[in-house]
Amino acid sequence: MVWLQGVVESVTEDKTEVVLRDEEALATLTVSDLVPGGADGIHAGSYIMAVGTVESAGRGCPLIVAVLRLSDLSSNSAHKLSWPLEVYELKQILFEQSKLSKT
């Protein structure tokens, strides 16, 4: 399971794929009919959150995520501003936990 937030680079005409740019890379999001609201209202330049499962990833390969939830967060700039800090904090927590589990 992955949680991504970033700016939409593009959306296919049929709204089944969204290309998202986060702080580090691009990801292709596949949006099925099972996603409530689908990609309606999502367009290039939107700041969005996507939760889903990784379909493929690897060195030199783009991350492809099957989306389970998609939300437009553009209306509140606090989401975009706080996201890098949330990621940093989670990395710190995971690092500390990994140190504890080794002792």
Protein backbone atom coordinates (compact mmCIF):
# COMPACT_ATOMS: atom_id res chain seq x y z
CA MET A 1 0.00 0.00 0.00
CA VAL A 2 1.33 3.46 -0.88
CA TRP A 3 0.18 6.99 -0.15
CA LEU A 4 1.26 9.62 -2.66
CA GLN A 5 0.69 13.35 -2.84
CA GLY A 6 1.78 15.58 -5.66
CA VAL A 7 0.90 17.70 -8.67
CA VAL A 8 -0.90 16.18 -11.64
CA GLU A 9 1.19 16.34 -14.82
CA SER A 10 -1.49 14.88 -17.09
CA VAL A 11 -4.78 12.97 -17.20
CA THR A 12 -5.87 10.73 -20.07
CA GLU A 13 -9.01 11.76 -21.91
CA ASP A 14 -10.89 8.72 -20.57
CA LYS A 15 -9.69 9.56 -17.00
CA THR A 16 -8.22 6.06 -16.45
CA GLU A 17 -4.61 7.24 -16.00
CA VAL A 18 -3.14 10.14 -14.09
CA VAL A 19 0.55 11.07 -14.12
CA LEU A 20 1.56 12.46 -10.74
CA ARG A 21 4.78 14.28 -9.83
CA ASP A 22 5.74 14.18 -6.17
CA GLU A 23 8.90 15.60 -4.58
CA GLU A 24 11.09 12.84 -6.01
CA ALA A 25 9.63 11.24 -9.14
CA LEU A 26 6.76 10.61 -11.49
CA ALA A 27 4.13 7.93 -10.93
CA THR A 28 1.42 6.66 -13.22
CA LEU A 29 -1.85 6.12 -11.41
CA THR A 30 -4.37 3.71 -12.89
CA VAL A 31 -7.91 4.68 -11.95
CA SER A 32 -10.64 2.04 -12.19
CA ASP A 33 -14.42 2.38 -12.07
CA LEU A 34 -14.24 1.21 -8.45
CA VAL A 35 -12.64 4.49 -7.28
CA PRO A 36 -15.42 6.71 -5.88
CA GLY A 37 -15.73 9.69 -8.24
CA GLY A 38 -12.87 8.36 -10.37
CA ALA A 39 -10.65 11.11 -11.69
CA ASP A 40 -13.54 13.53 -12.29
CA GLY A 41 -12.45 17.05 -11.44
CA ILE A 42 -8.76 16.09 -11.53
CA HIS A 43 -6.73 18.01 -14.13
CA ALA A 44 -3.16 19.02 -14.87
CA GLY A 45 -1.93 21.27 -12.07
CA SER A 46 -4.21 19.80 -9.38
CA TYR A 47 -2.56 18.86 -6.09
CA ILE A 48 -3.90 15.41 -5.22
CA MET A 49 -3.61 12.52 -2.78
CA ALA A 50 -3.72 8.94 -4.03
CA VAL A 51 -3.76 5.71 -2.05
CA GLY A 52 -3.30 2.41 -3.80
CA THR A 53 -1.27 -0.69 -4.43
CA VAL A 54 1.97 -0.84 -6.39
CA GLU A 55 1.56 -2.62 -9.72
CA SER A 56 5.18 -2.21 -10.80
CA ALA A 57 8.31 -0.40 -9.72
CA GLY A 58 12.02 -0.71 -10.22
CA ARG A 59 15.20 1.08 -11.11
CA GLY A 60 14.66 3.14 -14.22
CA CYS A 61 10.99 2.16 -14.35
CA PRO A 62 8.18 4.48 -13.40
CA LEU A 63 6.10 3.62 -10.35
CA ILE A 64 2.67 2.37 -11.40
CA VAL A 65 -0.05 2.43 -8.77
CA ALA A 66 -3.56 0.93 -8.92
CA VAL A 67 -5.57 3.63 -7.16
CA LEU A 68 -8.05 2.79 -4.41
CA ARG A 69 -8.71 6.38 -3.31
CA LEU A 70 -8.11 9.69 -5.06
CA SER A 71 -8.76 13.16 -3.63
CA ASP A 72 -8.15 16.69 -4.90
CA LEU A 73 -6.37 18.65 -2.15
CA SER A 74 -5.87 21.82 -4.22
CA SER A 75 -8.33 23.89 -2.20
CA ASN A 76 -6.08 23.96 0.90
CA SER A 77 -2.41 24.87 0.41
CA ALA A 78 -1.59 23.51 3.88
CA HIS A 79 -1.73 19.98 2.45
CA LYS A 80 1.03 20.72 -0.04
CA LEU A 81 3.15 22.66 2.44
CA SER A 82 2.97 20.07 5.21
CA TRP A 83 3.45 16.92 3.10
CA PRO A 84 7.30 17.01 2.97
CA LEU A 85 7.35 17.47 6.75
CA GLU A 86 4.98 14.54 7.26
CA VAL A 87 7.18 12.33 5.06
CA TYR A 88 10.30 13.43 6.96
CA GLU A 89 8.65 12.69 10.31
CA LEU A 90 7.54 9.23 9.20
CA LYS A 91 11.05 8.42 7.95
CA GLN A 92 12.45 9.43 11.34
CA ILE A 93 9.92 7.26 13.17
CA LEU A 94 10.67 4.26 10.94
CA PHE A 95 14.42 4.80 11.36
CA GLU A 96 14.10 4.89 15.14
CA GLN A 97 11.94 1.77 15.13
CA SER A 98 14.46 -0.08 12.99
CA LYS A 99 17.24 0.85 15.43
CA LEU A 100 15.17 -0.44 18.36
CA SER A 101 14.38 -3.73 16.63
CA LYS A 102 18.11 -4.40 16.08
CA THR A 103 18.89 -4.18 19.80
